[in-house]
Amino acid sequence: MRSWIAGPLGRLLRVWGLATRSMTLGARIVALDAEGRVFLVRHGYREGWYMPGGAVDPGETALEAVQREAREEGNLVCDETPRLVGVYYNRREGRDHVLVYRCDRARQTTPRRPDWEIAESGFFALDALPPATTPATRRRLAEVLDGAEPTPDW
């Protein structure tokens, strides 16, 4: 079921971002646990399942941003320094560039309680991803984990 937040508010936030910024920079993480499962989130304001991530804030490095987003969106910590695996241009969002990191030793300190931002989250086996996992998320996972040919676009 599509909520009023996922539809109109989500579109309004994207339009506002495009109108007020010349370029945005985001960071997402392919966070794998000891069993090789990937951590995904479902936002309360947007449809689909995504890798944790978000904007790189002023004064913050991309690595700091992806580690912060992993903590905020999933109570995740990496027992290794996440590695940059790609940079992508998100034409759908306009002038958005996304840096993708990988952490093979991620763990959740405590379960993430649902709220308005993160409605659901969890680790998923790669052969049992939620049906609503976004096409971009599936492409990035195939590139990072299965060696699929990378593309420059999100």
N, C-alpha and C. Protein backbone atom coordinates (compact mmCIF):
# COMPACT_ATOMS: atom_id res chain seq x y z
N MET A 1 0.84 -1.19 0.00
CA MET A 1 0.00 0.00 0.00
C MET A 1 0.88 1.24 0.00
N ARG A 2 0.58 2.15 -0.84
CA ARG A 2 1.36 3.38 -0.98
C ARG A 2 0.86 4.42 0.01
N SER A 3 1.76 4.95 0.82
CA SER A 3 1.37 5.95 1.81
C SER A 3 1.46 7.35 1.21
N TRP A 4 0.85 8.32 1.87
CA TRP A 4 0.93 9.70 1.41
C TRP A 4 2.35 10.22 1.51
N ILE A 5 3.14 9.65 2.41
CA ILE A 5 4.53 10.07 2.55
C ILE A 5 5.35 9.55 1.37
N ALA A 6 5.14 8.29 1.00
CA ALA A 6 5.93 7.69 -0.07
C ALA A 6 5.65 8.36 -1.40
N GLY A 7 4.46 8.83 -1.62
CA GLY A 7 4.11 9.42 -2.91
C GLY A 7 4.39 10.91 -2.98
N PRO A 8 3.42 11.74 -2.64
CA PRO A 8 3.57 13.18 -2.82
C PRO A 8 4.72 13.80 -2.04
N LEU A 9 4.90 13.43 -0.79
CA LEU A 9 5.97 14.03 0.00
C LEU A 9 7.34 13.63 -0.54
N GLY A 10 7.50 12.39 -0.93
CA GLY A 10 8.77 11.94 -1.50
C GLY A 10 9.11 12.70 -2.77
N ARG A 11 8.12 12.89 -3.63
CA ARG A 11 8.34 13.64 -4.88
C ARG A 11 8.68 15.11 -4.57
N LEU A 12 7.98 15.68 -3.60
CA LEU A 12 8.23 17.08 -3.21
C LEU A 12 9.66 17.24 -2.68
N LEU A 13 10.12 16.30 -1.87
CA LEU A 13 11.49 16.38 -1.34
C LEU A 13 12.52 16.28 -2.46
N ARG A 14 12.29 15.41 -3.44
CA ARG A 14 13.23 15.30 -4.57
C ARG A 14 13.25 16.59 -5.40
N VAL A 15 12.08 17.17 -5.68
CA VAL A 15 12.01 18.41 -6.44
C VAL A 15 12.68 19.54 -5.68
N TRP A 16 12.45 19.61 -4.37
CA TRP A 16 13.09 20.64 -3.54
C TRP A 16 14.60 20.49 -3.60
N GLY A 17 15.10 19.27 -3.50
CA GLY A 17 16.53 19.03 -3.57
C GLY A 17 17.12 19.46 -4.89
N LEU A 18 16.42 19.16 -5.98
CA LEU A 18 16.91 19.56 -7.31
C LEU A 18 16.94 21.08 -7.47
N ALA A 19 15.94 21.74 -6.89
CA ALA A 19 15.84 23.19 -7.05
C ALA A 19 16.85 23.94 -6.19
N THR A 20 17.29 23.37 -5.10
CA THR A 20 18.14 24.11 -4.17
C THR A 20 19.61 23.71 -4.20
N ARG A 21 19.98 22.69 -4.95
CA ARG A 21 21.37 22.25 -4.99
C ARG A 21 21.84 22.11 -6.43
N SER A 22 23.11 22.47 -6.66
CA SER A 22 23.65 22.30 -8.00
C SER A 22 24.02 20.85 -8.26
N MET A 23 24.50 20.16 -7.24
CA MET A 23 24.84 18.74 -7.35
C MET A 23 24.74 18.14 -5.95
N THR A 24 24.31 16.91 -5.88
CA THR A 24 24.28 16.24 -4.59
C THR A 24 25.24 15.06 -4.64
N LEU A 25 25.71 14.68 -3.47
CA LEU A 25 26.61 13.54 -3.34
C LEU A 25 26.05 12.64 -2.25
N GLY A 26 25.87 11.39 -2.61
CA GLY A 26 25.35 10.42 -1.66
C GLY A 26 26.30 9.25 -1.52
N ALA A 27 26.09 8.47 -0.48
CA ALA A 27 26.90 7.29 -0.24
C ALA A 27 25.99 6.17 0.24
N ARG A 28 26.16 4.98 -0.32
CA ARG A 28 25.41 3.79 0.10
C ARG A 28 26.40 2.68 0.38
N ILE A 29 25.94 1.70 1.17
CA ILE A 29 26.84 0.63 1.56
C ILE A 29 26.23 -0.75 1.32
N VAL A 30 27.03 -1.62 0.73
CA VAL A 30 26.71 -3.03 0.63
C VAL A 30 27.27 -3.64 1.91
N ALA A 31 26.41 -3.83 2.89
CA ALA A 31 26.82 -4.31 4.21
C ALA A 31 26.45 -5.79 4.34
N LEU A 32 27.47 -6.63 4.45
CA LEU A 32 27.28 -8.08 4.54
C LEU A 32 27.62 -8.56 5.95
N ASP A 33 26.81 -9.48 6.45
CA ASP A 33 27.09 -10.06 7.76
C ASP A 33 27.96 -11.30 7.61
N ALA A 34 28.24 -11.97 8.72
CA ALA A 34 29.11 -13.15 8.72
C ALA A 34 28.56 -14.29 7.87
N GLU A 35 27.24 -14.31 7.66
CA GLU A 35 26.62 -15.36 6.83
C GLU A 35 26.50 -14.97 5.36
N GLY A 36 27.03 -13.79 5.00
CA GLY A 36 26.96 -13.35 3.61
C GLY A 36 25.64 -12.72 3.22
N ARG A 37 24.81 -12.40 4.20
CA ARG A 37 23.53 -11.75 3.91
C ARG A 37 23.75 -10.25 3.80
N VAL A 38 22.94 -9.59 2.99
CA VAL A 38 23.06 -8.15 2.78
C VAL A 38 21.98 -7.43 3.59
N PHE A 39 22.34 -6.28 4.13
CA PHE A 39 21.41 -5.48 4.92
C PHE A 39 20.69 -4.50 4.00
N LEU A 40 19.36 -4.48 4.07
CA LEU A 40 18.55 -3.57 3.26
C LEU A 40 17.56 -2.84 4.15
N VAL A 41 17.13 -1.67 3.67
CA VAL A 41 16.13 -0.87 4.40
C VAL A 41 14.97 -0.54 3.47
N ARG A 42 13.81 -0.38 4.09
CA ARG A 42 12.63 0.13 3.37
C ARG A 42 12.24 1.42 4.06
N HIS A 43 12.28 2.52 3.30
CA HIS A 43 11.97 3.83 3.85
C HIS A 43 10.46 4.02 4.02
N GLY A 44 10.09 4.86 4.95
CA GLY A 44 8.68 5.19 5.14
C GLY A 44 8.17 6.20 4.13
N TYR A 45 9.07 6.88 3.44
CA TYR A 45 8.70 7.94 2.51
C TYR A 45 8.95 7.61 1.05
N ARG A 46 9.41 6.36 0.78
CA ARG A 46 9.73 5.97 -0.59
C ARG A 46 9.49 4.47 -0.73
N GLU A 47 8.99 4.06 -1.86
CA GLU A 47 8.73 2.64 -2.07
C GLU A 47 10.01 1.89 -2.42
N GLY A 48 10.08 0.63 -2.02
CA GLY A 48 11.19 -0.23 -2.38
C GLY A 48 12.18 -0.45 -1.26
N TRP A 49 13.07 -1.41 -1.48
CA TRP A 49 14.14 -1.75 -0.55
C TRP A 49 15.47 -1.27 -1.12
N TYR A 50 16.29 -0.70 -0.27
CA TYR A 50 17.54 -0.06 -0.67
C TYR A 50 18.68 -0.49 0.25
N MET A 51 19.91 -0.27 -0.22
CA MET A 51 21.06 -0.36 0.66
C MET A 51 21.04 0.88 1.55
N PRO A 52 21.51 0.76 2.79
CA PRO A 52 21.55 1.95 3.65
C PRO A 52 22.42 3.04 3.02
N GLY A 53 22.04 4.27 3.23
CA GLY A 53 22.84 5.37 2.72
C GLY A 53 22.08 6.66 2.71
N GLY A 54 22.76 7.70 2.27
CA GLY A 54 22.14 9.01 2.22
C GLY A 54 23.15 10.05 1.80
N ALA A 55 22.83 11.30 2.07
CA ALA A 55 23.65 12.42 1.63
C ALA A 55 24.94 12.52 2.43
N VAL A 56 25.96 13.00 1.74
CA VAL A 56 27.21 13.38 2.40
C VAL A 56 27.00 14.82 2.87
N ASP A 57 27.07 15.03 4.17
CA ASP A 57 26.83 16.35 4.74
C ASP A 57 28.06 17.25 4.60
N PRO A 58 27.85 18.57 4.61
CA PRO A 58 28.99 19.49 4.56
C PRO A 58 29.97 19.20 5.70
N GLY A 59 31.26 19.22 5.39
CA GLY A 59 32.29 18.97 6.39
C GLY A 59 32.53 17.50 6.71
N GLU A 60 31.87 16.61 5.98
CA GLU A 60 31.94 15.18 6.23
C GLU A 60 32.54 14.49 5.01
N THR A 61 33.39 13.50 5.23
CA THR A 61 33.89 12.72 4.10
C THR A 61 32.82 11.71 3.69
N ALA A 62 32.95 11.19 2.50
CA ALA A 62 32.00 10.16 2.04
C ALA A 62 32.08 8.93 2.93
N LEU A 63 33.27 8.55 3.36
CA LEU A 63 33.42 7.40 4.25
C LEU A 63 32.73 7.65 5.59
N GLU A 64 32.90 8.85 6.14
CA GLU A 64 32.21 9.18 7.38
C GLU A 64 30.70 9.13 7.18
N ALA A 65 30.23 9.63 6.03
CA ALA A 65 28.79 9.64 5.75
C ALA A 65 28.23 8.23 5.67
N VAL A 66 28.90 7.33 4.96
CA VAL A 66 28.36 5.98 4.80
C VAL A 66 28.37 5.24 6.15
N GLN A 67 29.38 5.49 6.98
CA GLN A 67 29.40 4.87 8.30
C GLN A 67 28.29 5.44 9.18
N ARG A 68 28.05 6.76 9.10
CA ARG A 68 26.97 7.39 9.86
C ARG A 68 25.61 6.85 9.42
N GLU A 69 25.41 6.79 8.10
CA GLU A 69 24.13 6.29 7.58
C GLU A 69 23.89 4.83 7.98
N ALA A 70 24.93 4.03 7.98
CA ALA A 70 24.79 2.63 8.40
C ALA A 70 24.34 2.56 9.87
N ARG A 71 24.93 3.42 10.70
CA ARG A 71 24.52 3.46 12.12
C ARG A 71 23.08 3.94 12.25
N GLU A 72 22.75 5.06 11.58
CA GLU A 72 21.43 5.66 11.72
C GLU A 72 20.32 4.77 11.16
N GLU A 73 20.56 4.16 10.01
CA GLU A 73 19.50 3.42 9.34
C GLU A 73 19.42 1.96 9.76
N GLY A 74 20.47 1.42 10.37
CA GLY A 74 20.42 0.01 10.70
C GLY A 74 21.10 -0.40 11.99
N ASN A 75 21.61 0.58 12.76
CA ASN A 75 22.41 0.25 13.94
C ASN A 75 23.55 -0.69 13.54
N LEU A 76 24.14 -0.40 12.38
CA LEU A 76 25.21 -1.23 11.84
C LEU A 76 26.57 -0.63 12.16
N VAL A 77 27.51 -1.52 12.45
CA VAL A 77 28.91 -1.14 12.54
C VAL A 77 29.69 -2.10 11.65
N CYS A 78 30.77 -1.58 11.09
CA CYS A 78 31.64 -2.40 10.26
C CYS A 78 32.89 -2.73 11.05
N ASP A 79 33.23 -4.00 11.10
CA ASP A 79 34.44 -4.43 11.79
C ASP A 79 35.66 -4.34 10.88
N GLU A 80 35.53 -3.60 9.79
CA GLU A 80 36.60 -3.30 8.86
C GLU A 80 36.25 -1.97 8.23
N THR A 81 37.22 -1.30 7.65
CA THR A 81 36.94 -0.04 6.97
C THR A 81 36.23 -0.33 5.65
N PRO A 82 35.04 0.25 5.44
CA PRO A 82 34.35 0.03 4.16
C PRO A 82 35.22 0.49 3.00
N ARG A 83 35.13 -0.25 1.89
CA ARG A 83 35.92 0.03 0.69
C ARG A 83 35.03 0.62 -0.39
N LEU A 84 35.52 1.68 -1.04
CA LEU A 84 34.80 2.28 -2.16
C LEU A 84 34.85 1.32 -3.35
N VAL A 85 33.67 1.02 -3.93
CA VAL A 85 33.63 0.09 -5.06
C VAL A 85 33.10 0.73 -6.34
N GLY A 86 32.50 1.91 -6.24
CA GLY A 86 32.01 2.53 -7.47
C GLY A 86 31.40 3.90 -7.23
N VAL A 87 31.34 4.66 -8.32
CA VAL A 87 30.70 5.97 -8.33
C VAL A 87 29.70 5.96 -9.47
N TYR A 88 28.48 6.38 -9.19
CA TYR A 88 27.39 6.29 -10.16
C TYR A 88 26.68 7.63 -10.29
N TYR A 89 26.16 7.89 -11.49
CA TYR A 89 25.38 9.09 -11.75
C TYR A 89 23.91 8.71 -11.75
N ASN A 90 23.13 9.35 -10.90
CA ASN A 90 21.70 9.05 -10.79
C ASN A 90 20.91 10.05 -11.64
N ARG A 91 20.66 9.70 -12.88
CA ARG A 91 19.94 10.59 -13.79
C ARG A 91 18.51 10.84 -13.34
N ARG A 92 17.91 9.86 -12.65
CA ARG A 92 16.52 10.01 -12.20
C ARG A 92 16.39 11.15 -11.19
N GLU A 93 17.41 11.33 -10.37
CA GLU A 93 17.38 12.37 -9.35
C GLU A 93 17.97 13.69 -9.85
N GLY A 94 18.42 13.72 -11.08
CA GLY A 94 18.93 14.96 -11.65
C GLY A 94 20.43 15.04 -11.59
N ARG A 95 20.97 15.72 -10.61
CA ARG A 95 22.42 15.94 -10.52
C ARG A 95 23.03 15.18 -9.34
N ASP A 96 22.60 14.00 -9.11
CA ASP A 96 23.00 13.21 -7.95
C ASP A 96 24.08 12.20 -8.33
N HIS A 97 25.15 12.17 -7.56
CA HIS A 97 26.18 11.15 -7.71
C HIS A 97 26.19 10.31 -6.44
N VAL A 98 26.32 9.00 -6.61
CA VAL A 98 26.26 8.07 -5.48
C VAL A 98 27.55 7.27 -5.44
N LEU A 99 28.20 7.28 -4.28
CA LEU A 99 29.38 6.46 -4.05
C LEU A 99 28.92 5.20 -3.32
N VAL A 100 29.36 4.05 -3.80
CA VAL A 100 28.97 2.78 -3.17
C VAL A 100 30.19 2.17 -2.50
N TYR A 101 29.99 1.83 -1.24
CA TYR A 101 31.03 1.19 -0.43
C TYR A 101 30.62 -0.24 -0.13
N ARG A 102 31.61 -1.03 0.29
CA ARG A 102 31.36 -2.43 0.65
C ARG A 102 32.01 -2.72 2.00
N CYS A 103 31.25 -3.43 2.83
CA CYS A 103 31.76 -3.91 4.12
C CYS A 103 31.37 -5.38 4.24
N ASP A 104 32.37 -6.26 4.32
CA ASP A 104 32.11 -7.70 4.40
C ASP A 104 31.93 -8.19 5.84
N ARG A 105 32.15 -7.31 6.80
CA ARG A 105 32.03 -7.71 8.21
C ARG A 105 31.17 -6.70 8.96
N ALA A 106 29.91 -6.63 8.58
CA ALA A 106 28.97 -5.73 9.23
C ALA A 106 28.18 -6.50 10.28
N ARG A 107 27.85 -5.79 11.34
CA ARG A 107 27.00 -6.41 12.36
C ARG A 107 26.06 -5.34 12.91
N GLN A 108 24.93 -5.82 13.37
CA GLN A 108 23.91 -4.94 13.92
C GLN A 108 24.04 -4.97 15.44
N THR A 109 24.23 -3.80 16.05
CA THR A 109 24.41 -3.74 17.49
C THR A 109 23.10 -4.03 18.23
N THR A 110 22.00 -3.54 17.71
CA THR A 110 20.66 -3.82 18.22
C THR A 110 19.70 -3.72 17.05
N PRO A 111 18.56 -4.41 17.10
CA PRO A 111 17.58 -4.28 16.01
C PRO A 111 17.14 -2.82 15.85
N ARG A 112 16.93 -2.41 14.63
CA ARG A 112 16.49 -1.04 14.33
C ARG A 112 14.99 -0.96 14.51
N ARG A 113 14.56 -0.09 15.40
CA ARG A 113 13.11 0.09 15.60
C ARG A 113 12.53 0.90 14.45
N PRO A 114 11.39 0.47 13.91
CA PRO A 114 10.77 1.22 12.80
C PRO A 114 10.37 2.63 13.24
N ASP A 115 10.48 3.57 12.33
CA ASP A 115 10.01 4.94 12.54
C ASP A 115 9.60 5.52 11.20
N TRP A 116 9.37 6.83 11.14
CA TRP A 116 8.89 7.43 9.90
C TRP A 116 9.92 7.33 8.78
N GLU A 117 11.21 7.29 9.13
CA GLU A 117 12.23 7.22 8.08
C GLU A 117 12.47 5.80 7.60
N ILE A 118 12.70 4.88 8.54
CA ILE A 118 12.98 3.49 8.20
C ILE A 118 11.83 2.62 8.70
N ALA A 119 11.00 2.17 7.78
CA ALA A 119 9.83 1.37 8.15
C ALA A 119 10.20 -0.07 8.47
N GLU A 120 11.17 -0.62 7.73
CA GLU A 120 11.64 -1.99 7.94
C GLU A 120 13.10 -2.07 7.57
N SER A 121 13.78 -3.05 8.16
CA SER A 121 15.18 -3.27 7.80
C SER A 121 15.56 -4.69 8.20
N GLY A 122 16.63 -5.17 7.61
CA GLY A 122 17.11 -6.49 8.00
C GLY A 122 18.13 -7.04 7.03
N PHE A 123 18.74 -8.15 7.45
CA PHE A 123 19.68 -8.87 6.60
C PHE A 123 18.91 -9.88 5.76
N PHE A 124 19.28 -10.00 4.49
CA PHE A 124 18.60 -10.90 3.57
C PHE A 124 19.62 -11.74 2.80
N ALA A 125 19.30 -13.02 2.62
CA ALA A 125 20.12 -13.87 1.77
C ALA A 125 20.04 -13.32 0.35
N LEU A 126 21.13 -13.41 -0.38
CA LEU A 126 21.17 -12.84 -1.72
C LEU A 126 20.18 -13.50 -2.67
N ASP A 127 19.81 -14.75 -2.41
CA ASP A 127 18.84 -15.43 -3.26
C ASP A 127 17.41 -15.29 -2.72
N ALA A 128 17.24 -14.44 -1.69
CA ALA A 128 15.91 -14.24 -1.10
C ALA A 128 15.69 -12.76 -0.76
N LEU A 129 16.05 -11.89 -1.70
CA LEU A 129 15.83 -10.46 -1.48
C LEU A 129 14.34 -10.16 -1.50
N PRO A 130 13.90 -9.12 -0.78
CA PRO A 130 12.48 -8.76 -0.83
C PRO A 130 12.06 -8.47 -2.27
N PRO A 131 10.85 -8.87 -2.66
CA PRO A 131 10.40 -8.65 -4.04
C PRO A 131 10.47 -7.18 -4.47
N ALA A 132 10.29 -6.25 -3.55
CA ALA A 132 10.29 -4.82 -3.89
C ALA A 132 11.69 -4.21 -3.85
N THR A 133 12.74 -5.03 -3.84
CA THR A 133 14.09 -4.48 -3.92
C THR A 133 14.22 -3.73 -5.23
N THR A 134 14.72 -2.50 -5.17
CA THR A 134 14.74 -1.66 -6.37
C THR A 134 15.68 -2.21 -7.44
N PRO A 135 15.39 -1.93 -8.70
CA PRO A 135 16.27 -2.39 -9.78
C PRO A 135 17.71 -1.89 -9.61
N ALA A 136 17.88 -0.63 -9.18
CA ALA A 136 19.24 -0.10 -8.98
C ALA A 136 19.97 -0.86 -7.89
N THR A 137 19.28 -1.20 -6.82
CA THR A 137 19.89 -1.97 -5.73
C THR A 137 20.30 -3.34 -6.25
N ARG A 138 19.45 -3.98 -7.00
CA ARG A 138 19.78 -5.30 -7.58
C ARG A 138 20.98 -5.21 -8.52
N ARG A 139 21.06 -4.14 -9.33
CA ARG A 139 22.20 -3.97 -10.24
C ARG A 139 23.49 -3.79 -9.46
N ARG A 140 23.45 -2.94 -8.42
CA ARG A 140 24.67 -2.72 -7.63
C ARG A 140 25.11 -4.00 -6.95
N LEU A 141 24.19 -4.77 -6.39
CA LEU A 141 24.56 -6.02 -5.73
C LEU A 141 25.16 -7.00 -6.73
N ALA A 142 24.59 -7.07 -7.93
CA ALA A 142 25.13 -7.97 -8.95
C ALA A 142 26.54 -7.54 -9.36
N GLU A 143 26.78 -6.25 -9.46
CA GLU A 143 28.10 -5.76 -9.81
C GLU A 143 29.11 -6.03 -8.70
N VAL A 144 28.74 -5.66 -7.49
CA VAL A 144 29.67 -5.75 -6.36
C VAL A 144 29.92 -7.19 -5.94
N LEU A 145 28.88 -8.01 -5.94
CA LEU A 145 29.00 -9.36 -5.38
C LEU A 145 29.15 -10.47 -6.42
N ASP A 146 28.61 -10.26 -7.62
CA ASP A 146 28.63 -11.32 -8.63
C ASP A 146 29.54 -11.02 -9.80
N GLY A 147 30.18 -9.85 -9.82
CA GLY A 147 31.08 -9.51 -10.91
C GLY A 147 30.40 -9.08 -12.19
N ALA A 148 29.11 -8.68 -12.11
CA ALA A 148 28.42 -8.19 -13.31
C ALA A 148 29.13 -6.95 -13.83
N GLU A 149 29.03 -6.71 -15.11
CA GLU A 149 29.66 -5.56 -15.74
C GLU A 149 29.10 -4.26 -15.12
N PRO A 150 29.96 -3.40 -14.57
CA PRO A 150 29.46 -2.16 -13.96
C PRO A 150 28.94 -1.17 -15.02
N THR A 151 27.98 -0.38 -14.62
CA THR A 151 27.46 0.69 -15.47
C THR A 151 27.74 2.01 -14.76
N PRO A 152 27.87 3.12 -15.49
CA PRO A 152 28.12 4.42 -14.84
C PRO A 152 26.87 5.05 -14.23
N ASP A 153 25.71 4.58 -14.65
CA ASP A 153 24.45 5.15 -14.17
C ASP A 153 23.87 4.32 -13.04
N TRP A 154 23.19 5.02 -12.15
CA TRP A 154 22.56 4.36 -11.01
C TRP A 154 21.47 3.45 -11.50
